C-alpha atoms as a PDB file:
ATOM      1  CA  MET A   1      -0.354  27.779  -1.183  1.00  0.00           C
ATOM      2  CA  SER A   2      -4.040  28.564  -0.755  1.00  0.00           C
ATOM      3  CA  THR A   3      -4.943  31.533   1.421  1.00  0.00           C
ATOM      4  CA  LYS A   4      -7.591  29.382   3.076  1.00  0.00           C
ATOM      5  CA  LYS A   5      -6.705  27.864   6.428  1.00  0.00           C
ATOM      6  CA  ILE A   6      -7.611  24.610   8.154  1.00  0.00           C
ATOM      7  CA  LEU A   7      -7.270  23.581  11.771  1.00  0.00           C
ATOM      8  CA  TRP A   8      -6.535  19.886  12.101  1.00  0.00           C
ATOM      9  CA  ILE A   9      -7.515  18.343  15.427  1.00  0.00           C
ATOM     10  CA  ILE A  10      -6.026  14.961  16.259  1.00  0.00           C
ATOM     11  CA  ALA A  11      -8.005  13.471  19.108  1.00  0.00           C
ATOM     12  CA  ALA A  12      -5.874  11.205  21.280  1.00  0.00           C
ATOM     13  CA  ARG A  13      -7.445  10.272  24.581  1.00  0.00           C
ATOM     14  CA  SER A  14      -5.431   7.972  26.832  1.00  0.00           C
ATOM     15  CA  GLY A  15      -6.844   4.880  28.480  1.00  0.00           C
ATOM     16  CA  SER A  16      -7.596   2.555  25.569  1.00  0.00           C
ATOM     17  CA  LYS A  17      -8.932  -0.721  26.918  1.00  0.00           C
ATOM     18  CA  SER A  18      -8.675  -2.994  23.865  1.00  0.00           C
ATOM     19  CA  ILE A  19      -5.063  -2.046  23.081  1.00  0.00           C
ATOM     20  CA  PRO A  20      -3.307  -0.341  26.028  1.00  0.00           C
ATOM     21  CA  ASN A  21      -1.884   3.084  25.073  1.00  0.00           C
ATOM     22  CA  LYS A  22      -2.927   2.396  21.496  1.00  0.00           C
ATOM     23  CA  ASN A  23      -2.606   5.979  20.282  1.00  0.00           C
ATOM     24  CA  VAL A  24       1.116   6.130  21.096  1.00  0.00           C
ATOM     25  CA  LYS A  25       2.023   2.489  20.510  1.00  0.00           C
ATOM     26  CA  LEU A  26       4.823   1.952  17.991  1.00  0.00           C
ATOM     27  CA  LEU A  27       3.768   0.787  14.535  1.00  0.00           C
ATOM     28  CA  GLY A  28       6.543   0.351  12.010  1.00  0.00           C
ATOM     29  CA  GLY A  29       8.895   2.255  14.302  1.00  0.00           C
ATOM     30  CA  HIS A  30       6.609   5.274  14.703  1.00  0.00           C
ATOM     31  CA  HIS A  31       4.007   6.158  17.302  1.00  0.00           C
ATOM     32  CA  LEU A  32       0.518   5.631  15.904  1.00  0.00           C
ATOM     33  CA  ILE A  33      -0.386   9.274  16.459  1.00  0.00           C
ATOM     34  CA  GLY A  34       2.646  10.301  14.432  1.00  0.00           C
ATOM     35  CA  TYR A  35       1.071   8.994  11.225  1.00  0.00           C
ATOM     36  CA  ARG A  36      -1.798  11.457  11.472  1.00  0.00           C
ATOM     37  CA  ILE A  37       0.359  14.392  12.547  1.00  0.00           C
ATOM     38  CA  LYS A  38       2.812  13.990   9.677  1.00  0.00           C
ATOM     39  CA  SER A  39       0.045  13.501   7.100  1.00  0.00           C
ATOM     40  CA  ALA A  40      -1.774  16.607   8.331  1.00  0.00           C
ATOM     41  CA  PHE A  41       1.348  18.732   7.936  1.00  0.00           C
ATOM     42  CA  LYS A  42       1.644  17.697   4.276  1.00  0.00           C
ATOM     43  CA  THR A  43      -1.841  18.882   3.305  1.00  0.00           C
ATOM     44  CA  LYS A  44      -2.352  21.753   0.895  1.00  0.00           C
ATOM     45  CA  PHE A  45      -4.031  24.580   2.796  1.00  0.00           C
ATOM     46  CA  THR A  46      -2.281  26.743   5.342  1.00  0.00           C
ATOM     47  CA  LYS A  47      -2.762  24.696   8.453  1.00  0.00           C
ATOM     48  CA  ASP A  48      -2.291  24.334  12.165  1.00  0.00           C
ATOM     49  CA  VAL A  49      -2.061  20.839  13.615  1.00  0.00           C
ATOM     50  CA  TRP A  50      -3.266  20.474  17.184  1.00  0.00           C
ATOM     51  CA  VAL A  51      -3.467  17.393  19.357  1.00  0.00           C
ATOM     52  CA  SER A  52      -6.286  17.244  21.884  1.00  0.00           C
ATOM     53  CA  THR A  53      -5.289  14.855  24.645  1.00  0.00           C
ATOM     54  CA  ASP A  54      -5.764  14.348  28.359  1.00  0.00           C
ATOM     55  CA  SER A  55      -2.258  12.902  28.753  1.00  0.00           C
ATOM     56  CA  VAL A  56       0.933  14.883  29.413  1.00  0.00           C
ATOM     57  CA  SER A  57       3.047  12.033  28.011  1.00  0.00           C
ATOM     58  CA  TYR A  58       0.911  11.870  24.843  1.00  0.00           C
ATOM     59  CA  ALA A  59       1.348  15.627  24.544  1.00  0.00           C
ATOM     60  CA  GLU A  60       5.149  15.357  24.649  1.00  0.00           C
ATOM     61  CA  ILE A  61       5.172  12.604  22.024  1.00  0.00           C
ATOM     62  CA  SER A  62       2.905  14.704  19.805  1.00  0.00           C
ATOM     63  CA  LYS A  63       5.174  17.738  20.125  1.00  0.00           C
ATOM     64  CA  ASN A  64       8.115  15.605  18.987  1.00  0.00           C
ATOM     65  CA  TYR A  65       6.265  15.104  15.690  1.00  0.00           C
ATOM     66  CA  GLY A  66       5.751  18.860  15.380  1.00  0.00           C
ATOM     67  CA  ALA A  67       2.164  19.149  16.583  1.00  0.00           C
ATOM     68  CA  VAL A  68       0.931  21.893  18.880  1.00  0.00           C
ATOM     69  CA  VAL A  69      -0.739  20.883  22.127  1.00  0.00           C
ATOM     70  CA  PRO A  70      -2.405  24.144  23.183  1.00  0.00           C
ATOM     71  CA  PHE A  71      -4.131  22.638  26.205  1.00  0.00           C
ATOM     72  CA  ILE A  72      -4.557  19.423  28.148  1.00  0.00           C
ATOM     73  CA  ARG A  73      -8.087  18.222  27.564  1.00  0.00           C
ATOM     74  CA  PRO A  74     -10.394  18.711  30.594  1.00  0.00           C
ATOM     75  CA  GLU A  75     -11.402  15.599  32.513  1.00  0.00           C
ATOM     76  CA  LEU A  76     -15.003  16.072  31.389  1.00  0.00           C
ATOM     77  CA  LEU A  77     -13.871  15.471  27.802  1.00  0.00           C
ATOM     78  CA  ALA A  78     -11.640  12.513  28.643  1.00  0.00           C
ATOM     79  CA  THR A  79     -14.286   9.972  29.636  1.00  0.00           C
ATOM     80  CA  ASP A  80     -15.718   7.096  27.613  1.00  0.00           C
ATOM     81  CA  ASP A  81     -18.913   9.116  27.248  1.00  0.00           C
ATOM     82  CA  ALA A  82     -17.259  12.244  25.833  1.00  0.00           C
ATOM     83  CA  SER A  83     -18.212  12.814  22.205  1.00  0.00           C
ATOM     84  CA  SER A  84     -15.884  13.825  19.396  1.00  0.00           C
ATOM     85  CA  VAL A  85     -18.221  16.747  18.708  1.00  0.00           C
ATOM     86  CA  ASP A  86     -17.618  18.121  22.204  1.00  0.00           C
ATOM     87  CA  VAL A  87     -13.867  17.675  21.742  1.00  0.00           C
ATOM     88  CA  ILE A  88     -13.987  19.585  18.445  1.00  0.00           C
ATOM     89  CA  LEU A  89     -16.159  22.376  19.842  1.00  0.00           C
ATOM     90  CA  HIS A  90     -13.815  22.741  22.805  1.00  0.00           C
ATOM     91  CA  ALA A  91     -10.844  23.216  20.468  1.00  0.00           C
ATOM     92  CA  MET A  92     -12.767  25.601  18.208  1.00  0.00           C
ATOM     93  CA  ASP A  93     -13.823  27.674  21.190  1.00  0.00           C
ATOM     94  CA  PHE A  94     -10.189  27.836  22.347  1.00  0.00           C
ATOM     95  CA  ALA A  95      -9.123  28.998  18.879  1.00  0.00           C
ATOM     96  CA  GLU A  96     -11.760  31.710  18.671  1.00  0.00           C
ATOM     97  CA  LYS A  97     -10.997  32.988  22.174  1.00  0.00           C
ATOM     98  CA  ASN A  98      -7.391  33.368  21.037  1.00  0.00           C
ATOM     99  CA  ASN A  99      -8.444  35.255  17.886  1.00  0.00           C
ATOM    100  CA  LEU A 100      -7.378  32.443  15.548  1.00  0.00           C
ATOM    101  CA  LYS A 101      -9.368  32.315  12.303  1.00  0.00           C
ATOM    102  CA  TYR A 102      -9.905  29.261  10.108  1.00  0.00           C
ATOM    103  CA  ASP A 103     -12.008  28.324   7.090  1.00  0.00           C
ATOM    104  CA  TYR A 104     -12.118  24.603   7.834  1.00  0.00           C
ATOM    105  CA  ILE A 105     -12.006  22.250  10.805  1.00  0.00           C
ATOM    106  CA  GLY A 106     -10.703  18.706  10.377  1.00  0.00           C
ATOM    107  CA  LEU A 107     -10.778  15.766  12.765  1.00  0.00           C
ATOM    108  CA  LEU A 108      -8.187  13.004  12.399  1.00  0.00           C
ATOM    109  CA  GLU A 109      -8.233   9.936  14.609  1.00  0.00           C
ATOM    110  CA  PRO A 110      -4.958   8.070  15.277  1.00  0.00           C
ATOM    111  CA  THR A 111      -6.667   4.744  14.565  1.00  0.00           C
ATOM    112  CA  SER A 112      -6.578   5.286  10.767  1.00  0.00           C
ATOM    113  CA  PRO A 113      -2.835   5.468  10.044  1.00  0.00           C
ATOM    114  CA  PHE A 114      -2.882   4.679   6.333  1.00  0.00           C
ATOM    115  CA  VAL A 115      -4.762   7.765   5.144  1.00  0.00           C
ATOM    116  CA  ASP A 116      -1.978   9.709   3.448  1.00  0.00           C
ATOM    117  CA  CYS A 117      -1.816  13.394   2.571  1.00  0.00           C
ATOM    118  CA  GLN A 118      -2.900  12.839  -1.042  1.00  0.00           C
ATOM    119  CA  ILE A 119      -6.223  11.441   0.134  1.00  0.00           C
ATOM    120  CA  LEU A 120      -6.646  14.359   2.533  1.00  0.00           C
ATOM    121  CA  ASN A 121      -5.771  16.839  -0.219  1.00  0.00           C
ATOM    122  CA  ASP A 122      -8.269  15.271  -2.618  1.00  0.00           C
ATOM    123  CA  ALA A 123     -10.979  15.483   0.041  1.00  0.00           C
ATOM    124  CA  ILE A 124     -10.189  19.115   0.848  1.00  0.00           C
ATOM    125  CA  THR A 125     -10.217  20.009  -2.854  1.00  0.00           C
ATOM    126  CA  LEU A 126     -13.581  18.339  -3.366  1.00  0.00           C
ATOM    127  CA  LEU A 127     -15.151  20.084  -0.384  1.00  0.00           C
ATOM    128  CA  ASP A 128     -13.637  23.447  -1.297  1.00  0.00           C
ATOM    129  CA  SER A 129     -14.942  23.218  -4.855  1.00  0.00           C
ATOM    130  CA  ASN A 130     -18.498  22.321  -3.811  1.00  0.00           C
ATOM    131  CA  HIS A 131     -20.186  25.457  -2.536  1.00  0.00           C
ATOM    132  CA  ASN A 132     -23.344  23.582  -1.513  1.00  0.00           C
ATOM    133  CA  ALA A 133     -21.502  21.064   0.671  1.00  0.00           C
ATOM    134  CA  SER A 134     -20.887  21.605   4.370  1.00  0.00           C
ATOM    135  CA  ALA A 135     -18.551  18.708   5.181  1.00  0.00           C
ATOM    136  CA  ILE A 136     -16.838  15.627   3.804  1.00  0.00           C
ATOM    137  CA  ILE A 137     -16.261  12.267   5.516  1.00  0.00           C
ATOM    138  CA  ALA A 138     -14.138   9.241   4.641  1.00  0.00           C
ATOM    139  CA  THR A 139     -16.139   6.099   3.968  1.00  0.00           C
ATOM    140  CA  ARG A 140     -15.381   2.520   2.972  1.00  0.00           C
ATOM    141  CA  GLU A 141     -17.560  -0.014   1.233  1.00  0.00           C
ATOM    142  CA  SER A 142     -19.770  -1.793   3.742  1.00  0.00           C
ATOM    143  CA  LYS A 143     -19.318  -5.571   3.720  1.00  0.00           C
ATOM    144  CA  PRO A 144     -21.533  -7.489   3.894  1.00  0.00           C
ATOM    145  CA  ASN A 145     -24.494  -5.730   2.337  1.00  0.00           C
ATOM    146  CA  SER A 146     -27.183  -4.854   4.873  1.00  0.00           C
ATOM    147  CA  ILE A 147     -29.556  -7.371   3.307  1.00  0.00           C
ATOM    148  CA  PHE A 148     -27.456 -10.028   5.062  1.00  0.00           C
ATOM    149  CA  VAL A 149     -27.787  -8.408   8.493  1.00  0.00           C
ATOM    150  CA  GLN A 150     -30.389  -8.691  11.238  1.00  0.00           C
ATOM    151  CA  LYS A 151     -30.469  -8.134  14.967  1.00  0.00           C
ATOM    152  CA  ASP A 152     -28.956 -10.932  17.021  1.00  0.00           C
ATOM    153  CA  SER A 153     -31.622 -13.475  17.967  1.00  0.00           C
ATOM    154  CA  LYS A 154     -32.154 -17.212  18.388  1.00  0.00           C
ATOM    155  CA  PHE A 155     -33.557 -17.617  14.870  1.00  0.00           C
ATOM    156  CA  LEU A 156     -32.507 -15.934  11.636  1.00  0.00           C
ATOM    157  CA  ASP A 157     -36.129 -15.174  10.842  1.00  0.00           C
ATOM    158  CA  HIS A 158     -35.763 -11.663   9.399  1.00  0.00           C
ATOM    159  CA  LEU A 159     -32.655 -12.611   7.452  1.00  0.00           C
ATOM    160  CA  SER A 160     -34.438 -15.621   5.950  1.00  0.00           C
ATOM    161  CA  GLN A 161     -37.345 -13.484   4.833  1.00  0.00           C
ATOM    162  CA  LYS A 162     -35.044 -10.974   3.184  1.00  0.00           C
ATOM    163  CA  LEU A 163     -33.094 -13.657   1.345  1.00  0.00           C
ATOM    164  CA  LYS A 164     -36.289 -15.209   0.020  1.00  0.00           C
ATOM    165  CA  SER A 165     -37.039 -11.943  -1.726  1.00  0.00           C
ATOM    166  CA  ILE A 166     -33.951 -12.034  -3.936  1.00  0.00           C
ATOM    167  CA  SER A 167     -33.045 -14.366  -6.762  1.00  0.00           C
ATOM    168  CA  THR A 168     -29.246 -14.216  -6.487  1.00  0.00           C
ATOM    169  CA  VAL A 169     -26.795 -13.412  -3.709  1.00  0.00           C
ATOM    170  CA  GLY A 170     -23.793 -12.361  -5.844  1.00  0.00           C
ATOM    171  CA  ARG A 171     -22.075  -9.123  -4.779  1.00  0.00           C
ATOM    172  CA  GLN A 172     -22.763  -7.505  -8.134  1.00  0.00           C
ATOM    173  CA  SER A 173     -26.494  -7.925  -7.545  1.00  0.00           C
ATOM    174  CA  PHE A 174     -26.613  -5.227  -4.854  1.00  0.00           C
ATOM    175  CA  ASP A 175     -26.132  -1.509  -4.765  1.00  0.00           C
ATOM    176  CA  LYS A 176     -22.860  -0.463  -3.155  1.00  0.00           C
ATOM    177  CA  GLU A 177     -23.297   0.587   0.476  1.00  0.00           C
ATOM    178  CA  VAL A 178     -20.809   2.647   2.467  1.00  0.00           C
ATOM    179  CA  THR A 179     -20.061   3.256   6.112  1.00  0.00           C
ATOM    180  CA  PRO A 180     -17.802   5.839   7.793  1.00  0.00           C
ATOM    181  CA  SER A 181     -14.219   4.577   7.889  1.00  0.00           C
ATOM    182  CA  GLY A 182     -12.907   6.939  10.573  1.00  0.00           C
ATOM    183  CA  GLY A 183     -10.218   8.202   8.196  1.00  0.00           C
ATOM    184  CA  PHE A 184     -11.111  11.880   8.366  1.00  0.00           C
ATOM    185  CA  TYR A 185     -13.920  14.321   9.041  1.00  0.00           C
ATOM    186  CA  ILE A 186     -13.665  17.817   7.522  1.00  0.00           C
ATOM    187  CA  SER A 187     -16.180  20.637   7.761  1.00  0.00           C
ATOM    188  CA  LYS A 188     -16.413  24.252   6.765  1.00  0.00           C
ATOM    189  CA  TRP A 189     -15.812  26.128  10.005  1.00  0.00           C
ATOM    190  CA  ASN A 190     -19.065  28.091  10.185  1.00  0.00           C
ATOM    191  CA  ASP A 191     -21.136  25.063   9.165  1.00  0.00           C
ATOM    192  CA  PHE A 192     -19.745  23.032  12.056  1.00  0.00           C
ATOM    193  CA  ILE A 193     -20.501  25.851  14.480  1.00  0.00           C
ATOM    194  CA  LYS A 194     -24.052  25.908  13.122  1.00  0.00           C
ATOM    195  CA  ASN A 195     -24.689  22.155  12.808  1.00  0.00           C
ATOM    196  CA  LYS A 196     -22.500  20.882  15.661  1.00  0.00           C
ATOM    197  CA  THR A 197     -21.882  17.735  13.632  1.00  0.00           C
ATOM    198  CA  PHE A 198     -19.999  16.583  10.546  1.00  0.00           C
ATOM    199  CA  TYR A 199     -23.147  14.786   9.385  1.00  0.00           C
ATOM    200  CA  SER A 200     -25.895  16.521   7.450  1.00  0.00           C
ATOM    201  CA  ASP A 201     -27.692  16.177   4.137  1.00  0.00           C
ATOM    202  CA  LYS A 202     -24.900  18.339   2.696  1.00  0.00           C
ATOM    203  CA  THR A 203     -22.065  16.068   3.825  1.00  0.00           C
ATOM    204  CA  LEU A 204     -20.040  14.700   0.912  1.00  0.00           C
ATOM    205  CA  ASN A 205     -19.098  11.030   0.693  1.00  0.00           C
ATOM    206  CA  PHE A 206     -15.411  10.270   0.035  1.00  0.00           C
ATOM    207  CA  LEU A 207     -14.849   6.564  -0.594  1.00  0.00           C
ATOM    208  CA  VAL A 208     -11.424   5.175   0.300  1.00  0.00           C
ATOM    209  CA  ASP A 209     -10.002   1.745  -0.480  1.00  0.00           C
ATOM    210  CA  ASP A 210      -9.816  -1.064   2.044  1.00  0.00           C
ATOM    211  CA  LEU A 211      -6.219  -0.269   2.996  1.00  0.00           C
ATOM    212  CA  SER A 212      -6.879   3.399   3.694  1.00  0.00           C
ATOM    213  CA  GLY A 213     -10.127   2.387   5.357  1.00  0.00           C
ATOM    214  CA  LEU A 214      -8.434   0.263   8.009  1.00  0.00           C
ATOM    215  CA  GLU A 215      -9.490   1.389  11.471  1.00  0.00           C
ATOM    216  CA  ILE A 216      -7.508  -0.040  14.388  1.00  0.00           C
ATOM    217  CA  ASP A 217      -9.944  -0.852  17.191  1.00  0.00           C
ATOM    218  CA  GLU A 218      -9.041  -4.370  18.289  1.00  0.00           C
ATOM    219  CA  PRO A 219      -5.787  -6.358  18.623  1.00  0.00           C
ATOM    220  CA  ILE A 220      -6.472  -8.207  15.366  1.00  0.00           C
ATOM    221  CA  ASP A 221      -6.652  -4.847  13.559  1.00  0.00           C
ATOM    222  CA  TRP A 222      -3.246  -3.968  14.961  1.00  0.00           C
ATOM    223  CA  GLN A 223      -1.840  -7.290  13.781  1.00  0.00           C
ATOM    224  CA  PHE A 224      -3.244  -6.621  10.317  1.00  0.00           C
ATOM    225  CA  ALA A 225      -1.613  -3.170  10.268  1.00  0.00           C
ATOM    226  CA  GLU A 226       1.730  -4.761  11.157  1.00  0.00           C
ATOM    227  CA  PHE A 227       1.206  -7.324   8.374  1.00  0.00           C
ATOM    228  CA  ILE A 228       0.535  -4.512   5.886  1.00  0.00           C
ATOM    229  CA  LEU A 229       3.817  -2.834   6.735  1.00  0.00           C
ATOM    230  CA  GLU A 230       5.763  -6.084   6.903  1.00  0.00           C
ATOM    231  CA  LYS A 231       4.594  -7.050   3.395  1.00  0.00           C
ATOM    232  CA  LYS A 232       5.175  -3.483   2.135  1.00  0.00           C
ATOM    233  CA  LEU A 233       1.564  -3.145   1.044  1.00  0.00           C
ATOM    234  CA  PHE A 234       1.719   0.485   2.168  1.00  0.00           C
ATOM    235  CA  ASP A 235       4.645   2.806   1.489  1.00  0.00           C
ATOM    236  CA  ILE A 236       5.466   4.370   4.850  1.00  0.00           C
ATOM    237  CA  LYS A 237       7.464   7.035   3.018  1.00  0.00           C
ATOM    238  CA  LYS A 238       4.127   8.586   2.049  1.00  0.00           C
ATOM    239  CA  ILE A 239       3.833   9.596   5.696  1.00  0.00           C
ATOM    240  CA  PHE A 240       7.353  10.023   7.088  1.00  0.00           C
END
């Protein structure tokens, strides 16, 4: 195993409005947060897996999957306005105050259950092998292409002008565009301390497929995740 070490932070705030208690809801017989915890433990570097949560019950569920819950997240970091950056910095500060040393920091959100350890390992390997890179983020192909998008308004005036400028609207006519999928965010430790963000001009793009790129935000996303498992489109044994 590599001598390098990564701290995985799984951010699991309670109080989801779209899907009540989403982060600990059962999917395929397992709590949603369990998918991320188990995948993190199977990654290649020496690792610690922490859950940052404001909920005592979420903490107990997380511990049952083997994760460490070193603190209950302060109320200030448990509001709708709290940023993931602040959550990460809080955990990093806790680690450093306890003399824990890491080479990498990784953020995993429970809402992307189908990102398995092989994807995480490939991302870590790519970041570790690129000395100029500071971070790596999971992305998925953006659909539709931004040429088909305009701000909401009464008339599709800007969209019409853009479409007049092109001769064909086939998918192959446009450059591929990507958007963050929420699957993972990994940074070199010192670079995150310096930049206070996973995003910079030295952040690597890691494109995942549509299945791995599923992000559960709304009830229809949850229903799709259940469909994926029901139809065995994803092998749950990759996780558990």
